C-alpha cells in the first residue's frame, strides 16, 4: 500500500463558523474568501472561478478527493476546509526522496507542509501522497478515489514525456464511475502538443486523447475558465500573462516595465479548458 503522510495535530480544533450546515457551493464561496488566504490569492478568484469549476467537476460531500501537484496550494486552500469533516482530501505532492528533480520542487513541498502546520484548523485532515513520476508513480490503491483534480499541470507532463503514464495512473486509482477534472492552458486546435507544451499550452484534443487512451471518457466540458483575449502567442509563453508577467521582468526601464505589466494584465490569465472525464462502471 502506498505510503501516505497525514498532517495531524494533538489538540481539538474549532470548526470554522462558515463550515456549518451549508451546501458545497456555498462553502466553496466562503472558503475562497476566508482569512486563511492571502489577498493575492483571493484576487485570483475572478480568473480561476473555484465555485463554477469545482461544482462542474461534481465535488460532493462524502467523496475521497485527490489534487495532483498542488504547487503553492492555491486550490488546496479552498478544498481542504470544504472537504474537512465531510470526506477525505489527499494531495499528491512532489516526492522529495526522488533526487535530481528541479530544485523548485523541494522548496514548494517544504512550504506547502509549513502552510499546513501553520493552520491546523484548516489542514489537519489533509493527507499527502508523494508523487514524482516516473520514479515515484503510484497514487495509492486501485479504485480508491472518487475525484482526481489537476490544475494547469498537463503541459509539463506532455513536455516531459510522462503524460500517458500519469493519465493511466489516474484511471487506475479512480473508482469505477469516478471523475477526473482537468483545467489546462488551452492551445489552438490542431497544434502540435510537444511544441505548444514548451509554451505552457496543450490543445483540448490532445488532453482528450490522453484520457481516452487511459480508458476514461469525456463526459462534459465547460467554458467557465475561458479567456478569448488570450491569443496564446507570446515569446515567454503562458508565463507572460498574470500572475507571472515573466516577459516584463526582463525589461530594465521602469516606464517600460509598467507599460508591459499593464498590457498583459489587460489580457488577464490564460484561456483554459475545463474538462470532466469519467471512468466507466465495471
Protein backbone atom coordinates (compact mmCIF):
# COMPACT_ATOMS: atom_id res chain seq x y z
CA UNK A 1 0.00 0.00 0.00
CA UNK A 2 1.28 3.47 -0.91
CA UNK A 3 2.67 5.46 1.98
CA UNK A 4 0.51 8.41 2.99
CA UNK A 5 1.58 11.19 5.32
CA UNK A 6 -1.22 12.59 7.45
CA UNK A 7 -0.89 16.10 8.81
CA UNK A 8 -2.00 15.53 12.38
CA UNK A 9 -2.45 17.68 15.46
CA UNK A 10 -2.91 16.67 19.06
CA UNK A 11 -5.44 19.33 20.06
CA UNK A 12 -9.11 19.67 19.25
CA UNK A 13 -9.63 22.39 16.68
CA UNK A 14 -12.71 24.57 16.46
CA UNK A 15 -14.79 24.16 13.32
CA UNK A 16 -14.84 27.43 11.31
CA UNK A 17 -18.16 29.22 11.58
CA UNK A 18 -18.77 29.05 7.83
CA UNK A 19 -18.32 25.26 7.78
CA UNK A 20 -21.71 24.56 9.30
CA UNK A 21 -24.75 23.20 7.52
CA UNK A 22 -24.12 24.83 4.14
CA UNK A 23 -24.27 23.28 0.66
CA UNK A 24 -20.98 22.61 -1.10
CA UNK A 25 -21.15 25.63 -3.42
CA UNK A 26 -21.76 28.00 -0.51
CA UNK A 27 -18.83 26.50 1.42
CA UNK A 28 -16.56 26.92 -1.61
CA UNK A 29 -17.52 30.58 -1.81
CA UNK A 30 -16.87 31.11 1.88
CA UNK A 31 -13.55 29.25 1.74
CA UNK A 32 -12.24 31.20 -1.24
CA UNK A 33 -12.75 34.46 0.69
CA UNK A 34 -11.70 33.26 4.13
CA UNK A 35 -8.93 34.93 6.11
CA UNK A 36 -6.56 31.95 5.83
CA UNK A 37 -5.96 33.03 2.22
CA UNK A 38 -3.71 35.88 1.14
CA UNK A 39 -5.19 38.88 -0.63
CA UNK A 40 -3.08 37.97 -3.66
CA UNK A 41 -4.67 34.54 -3.87
CA UNK A 42 -8.16 35.90 -3.32
CA UNK A 43 -7.60 38.39 -6.14
CA UNK A 44 -7.19 35.43 -8.50
CA UNK A 45 -10.66 34.07 -7.74
CA UNK A 46 -12.03 36.07 -10.68
CA UNK A 47 -9.69 34.25 -13.05
CA UNK A 48 -9.91 30.75 -11.61
CA UNK A 49 -13.64 30.59 -10.78
CA UNK A 50 -13.45 27.99 -7.99
CA UNK A 51 -17.21 27.76 -7.38
CA UNK A 52 -18.07 27.14 -11.03
CA UNK A 53 -15.07 24.89 -11.57
CA UNK A 54 -15.47 22.61 -8.56
CA UNK A 55 -19.24 22.28 -8.89
CA UNK A 56 -18.80 21.44 -12.58
CA UNK A 57 -16.38 18.68 -11.58
CA UNK A 58 -19.04 17.29 -9.26
CA UNK A 59 -17.48 17.85 -5.85
CA UNK A 60 -19.82 16.42 -3.23
CA UNK A 61 -19.73 15.59 0.47
CA UNK A 62 -18.53 12.09 1.27
CA UNK A 63 -16.04 11.95 -1.59
CA UNK A 64 -12.39 10.94 -1.48
CA UNK A 65 -10.74 13.73 -3.46
CA UNK A 66 -7.16 13.89 -4.71
CA UNK A 67 -5.46 17.03 -6.00
CA UNK A 68 -2.40 16.41 -8.18
CA UNK A 69 0.67 18.61 -7.73
CA UNK A 70 -0.93 21.46 -5.79
CA UNK A 71 2.10 23.74 -6.14
CA UNK A 72 1.82 26.52 -3.58
CA UNK A 73 -1.67 25.32 -2.65
CA UNK A 74 -4.00 27.83 -4.33
CA UNK A 75 -6.80 25.30 -4.74
CA UNK A 76 -5.74 23.36 -1.67
CA UNK A 77 -6.65 26.40 0.43
CA UNK A 78 -10.23 26.02 -0.80
CA UNK A 79 -10.57 22.26 -0.97
CA UNK A 80 -9.16 21.50 2.49
CA UNK A 81 -11.77 23.39 4.55
CA UNK A 82 -14.65 22.45 2.21
CA UNK A 83 -13.89 18.73 2.49
CA UNK A 84 -12.82 18.78 6.16
CA UNK A 85 -15.09 16.52 8.26
CA UNK A 86 -17.14 15.74 5.14
CA UNK A 87 -14.87 13.43 3.14
CA UNK A 88 -11.21 12.66 2.59
CA UNK A 89 -8.79 15.05 0.91
CA UNK A 90 -5.41 13.91 -0.41
CA UNK A 91 -2.78 15.96 -2.18
CA UNK A 92 -0.28 14.23 -4.45
CA UNK A 93 2.79 16.41 -3.95
CA UNK A 94 6.37 16.12 -5.14
CA UNK A 95 8.30 13.19 -3.71
CA UNK A 96 11.31 14.78 -2.02
CA UNK A 97 13.01 11.38 -1.77
CA UNK A 98 13.46 11.36 -5.55
CA UNK A 99 16.82 13.01 -6.35
CA UNK A 100 17.75 15.30 -9.21
CA UNK A 101 14.36 16.94 -9.68
CA UNK A 102 14.10 20.64 -10.49
CA UNK A 103 15.18 22.49 -7.35
CA UNK A 104 11.95 24.47 -7.03
CA UNK A 105 10.01 21.29 -6.29
CA UNK A 106 11.77 20.71 -2.98
CA UNK A 107 11.06 24.26 -1.88
CA UNK A 108 7.41 24.07 -2.89
CA UNK A 109 6.93 20.86 -0.93
CA UNK A 110 8.56 22.33 2.17
CA UNK A 111 6.46 25.50 2.03
CA UNK A 112 3.28 23.50 1.47
CA UNK A 113 3.86 21.46 4.61
CA UNK A 114 4.66 24.64 6.52
CA UNK A 115 1.35 26.09 5.34
CA UNK A 116 -0.46 23.00 6.65
CA UNK A 117 1.30 23.14 10.01
CA UNK A 118 0.57 26.84 10.47
CA UNK A 119 -3.21 26.43 10.18
CA UNK A 120 -4.18 23.02 11.55
CA UNK A 121 -7.81 24.09 11.92
CA UNK A 122 -7.88 24.16 8.11
CA UNK A 123 -5.40 21.45 7.07
CA UNK A 124 -5.26 18.91 9.90
CA UNK A 125 -7.14 16.25 7.90
CA UNK A 126 -5.18 16.62 4.66
CA UNK A 127 -3.19 13.54 3.61
CA UNK A 128 -0.10 13.80 1.42
CA UNK A 129 0.98 11.19 -1.14
CA UNK A 130 4.47 11.55 -2.68
CA UNK A 131 4.27 11.59 -6.48
CA UNK A 132 7.19 12.29 -8.82
CA UNK A 133 6.84 10.00 -11.83
CA UNK A 134 8.33 8.04 -13.36
CA UNK A 135 10.46 7.19 -10.29
CA UNK A 136 7.59 7.64 -7.81
CA UNK A 137 4.48 6.96 -9.86
CA UNK A 138 1.83 5.40 -7.61
CA UNK A 139 -1.12 7.41 -6.29
CA UNK A 140 -2.35 4.68 -3.96
CA UNK A 141 -4.65 1.68 -4.10
CA UNK A 142 -6.54 0.90 -7.28
CA UNK A 143 -10.15 2.07 -7.29
CA UNK A 144 -9.76 4.22 -4.16
CA UNK A 145 -10.51 7.79 -5.35
CA UNK A 146 -13.83 9.40 -6.30
CA UNK A 147 -12.46 12.61 -7.81
CA UNK A 148 -8.98 13.38 -9.17
CA UNK A 149 -8.25 17.06 -9.86
CA UNK A 150 -5.37 18.56 -11.81
CA UNK A 151 -4.99 22.28 -12.42
CA UNK A 152 -2.58 23.57 -15.11
CA UNK A 153 -0.17 20.63 -14.95
CA UNK A 154 -0.70 18.72 -18.18
CA UNK A 155 1.65 20.76 -20.36
CA UNK A 156 4.54 19.84 -18.08
CA UNK A 157 3.75 16.14 -18.29
CA UNK A 158 3.46 16.31 -22.07
CA UNK A 159 6.78 18.12 -22.32
CA UNK A 160 8.48 15.58 -20.05
CA UNK A 161 7.06 12.62 -21.98
CA UNK A 162 5.20 11.19 -18.96
CA UNK A 163 1.62 12.28 -19.67
CA UNK A 164 0.45 8.84 -20.83
CA UNK A 165 1.89 7.22 -17.69
CA UNK A 166 0.20 9.77 -15.44
CA UNK A 167 -3.22 9.59 -17.08
CA UNK A 168 -3.07 5.79 -16.88
CA UNK A 169 -2.38 6.15 -13.17
CA UNK A 170 -5.40 8.44 -12.81
CA UNK A 171 -7.55 5.77 -14.42
CA UNK A 172 -6.12 3.05 -12.20
CA UNK A 173 -6.66 4.89 -8.93
CA UNK A 174 -10.18 6.13 -9.74
CA UNK A 175 -13.18 4.15 -8.58
CA UNK A 176 -15.50 2.81 -11.28
CA UNK A 177 -17.65 5.81 -12.14
CA UNK A 178 -15.03 8.16 -10.67
CA UNK A 179 -14.23 11.56 -12.14
CA UNK A 180 -11.08 13.21 -13.47
CA UNK A 181 -11.29 17.01 -13.59
CA UNK A 182 -8.72 18.80 -15.77
CA UNK A 183 -8.03 22.53 -16.04
CA UNK A 184 -5.27 23.34 -18.52
CA UNK A 185 -3.96 26.28 -20.54
CA UNK A 186 -5.57 25.76 -23.95
CA UNK A 187 -3.62 25.72 -27.22
CA UNK A 188 -5.23 26.27 -30.60
CA UNK A 189 -6.97 23.26 -32.20
CA UNK A 190 -4.70 21.14 -34.35
CA UNK A 191 -1.48 22.38 -32.78
CA UNK A 192 1.42 20.05 -32.03
CA UNK A 193 1.27 19.31 -28.28
CA UNK A 194 5.01 18.81 -27.99
CA UNK A 195 5.61 22.28 -29.39
CA UNK A 196 2.88 24.10 -27.52
CA UNK A 197 3.70 22.36 -24.23
CA UNK A 198 7.01 24.22 -24.18
CA UNK A 199 4.96 27.43 -24.05
CA UNK A 200 2.60 26.07 -21.36
CA UNK A 201 -0.33 25.23 -23.64
CA UNK A 202 -1.94 21.98 -24.83
CA UNK A 203 -4.91 21.55 -27.15
CA UNK A 204 -8.19 20.13 -25.88
CA UNK A 205 -7.97 17.23 -28.30
CA UNK A 206 -4.53 16.28 -27.00
CA UNK A 207 -5.89 16.08 -23.45
CA UNK A 208 -9.00 14.19 -24.57
CA UNK A 209 -6.80 11.67 -26.39
CA UNK A 210 -4.64 11.16 -23.29
CA UNK A 211 -7.70 10.45 -21.16
CA UNK A 212 -9.34 8.23 -23.78
CA UNK A 213 -6.19 6.16 -24.22
CA UNK A 214 -6.17 5.65 -20.45
CA UNK A 215 -9.73 4.32 -20.54
CA UNK A 216 -11.60 7.47 -19.48
CA UNK A 217 -14.32 9.16 -21.50
CA UNK A 218 -15.12 12.83 -21.86
CA UNK A 219 -18.40 13.48 -20.08
CA UNK A 220 -18.62 17.27 -20.34
CA UNK A 221 -16.67 20.43 -20.99
CA UNK A 222 -17.14 23.91 -19.57
CA UNK A 223 -16.06 27.39 -20.63
CA UNK A 224 -16.02 28.67 -17.05
CA UNK A 225 -12.26 29.33 -17.31
CA UNK A 226 -12.21 30.55 -20.92
CA UNK A 227 -10.48 33.79 -21.86
CA UNK A 228 -10.87 34.75 -25.56
CA UNK A 229 -8.42 37.64 -25.07
CA UNK A 230 -5.56 35.15 -24.72
CA UNK A 231 -4.13 34.52 -28.20
CA UNK A 232 -1.59 32.01 -26.75
CA UNK A 233 1.23 33.58 -28.80
CA UNK A 234 3.85 35.19 -26.54
CA UNK A 235 7.61 34.94 -26.62
CA UNK A 236 7.59 33.95 -22.96
CA UNK A 237 4.70 31.54 -23.30
CA UNK A 238 1.82 31.42 -20.87
CA UNK A 239 4.12 32.76 -18.15
CA UNK A 240 3.98 36.16 -19.86
CA UNK A 241 0.42 36.53 -18.55
CA UNK A 242 -0.62 37.21 -14.96
CA UNK A 243 0.29 36.32 -12.34
CA UNK A 244 3.86 35.72 -13.54
CA UNK A 245 4.31 38.55 -16.07
CA UNK A 246 7.62 36.93 -16.93
CA UNK A 247 8.30 38.99 -20.05
CA UNK A 248 8.03 42.21 -18.06
CA UNK A 249 10.63 41.12 -15.54
CA UNK A 250 13.28 41.13 -18.27
CA UNK A 251 12.76 44.83 -19.03
CA UNK A 252 15.13 47.28 -17.36
CA UNK A 253 13.42 50.63 -17.99
CA UNK A 254 10.88 51.30 -15.26
CA UNK A 255 8.38 53.06 -17.52
CA UNK A 256 8.53 50.19 -20.00
CA UNK A 257 8.00 47.67 -17.21
CA UNK A 258 4.82 49.47 -16.21
CA UNK A 259 3.51 49.50 -19.77
CA UNK A 260 4.34 45.82 -20.19
CA UNK A 261 2.51 44.86 -17.00
CA UNK A 262 -0.50 46.95 -18.00
CA UNK A 263 -0.60 45.24 -21.39
CA UNK A 264 -0.59 41.69 -20.04
CA UNK A 265 -2.87 42.43 -17.09
CA UNK A 266 -5.40 43.76 -19.60
CA UNK A 267 -5.39 40.31 -21.20
CA UNK A 268 -5.81 38.55 -17.88
CA UNK A 269 -4.88 34.99 -17.02
CA UNK A 270 -4.74 32.28 -19.67
CA UNK A 271 -7.53 30.77 -21.71
CA UNK A 272 -8.19 27.41 -20.03
CA UNK A 273 -10.08 24.29 -20.93
CA UNK A 274 -12.17 22.73 -18.18
CA UNK A 275 -12.88 19.07 -18.91
CA UNK A 276 -14.70 16.38 -16.91
CA UNK A 277 -13.82 12.77 -17.62
CA UNK A 278 -15.34 9.67 -16.10
CA UNK A 279 -14.14 6.12 -15.56
CA UNK A 280 -16.66 3.60 -16.92
CA UNK A 281 -18.56 1.46 -14.46
CA UNK A 282 -17.24 -2.07 -14.37
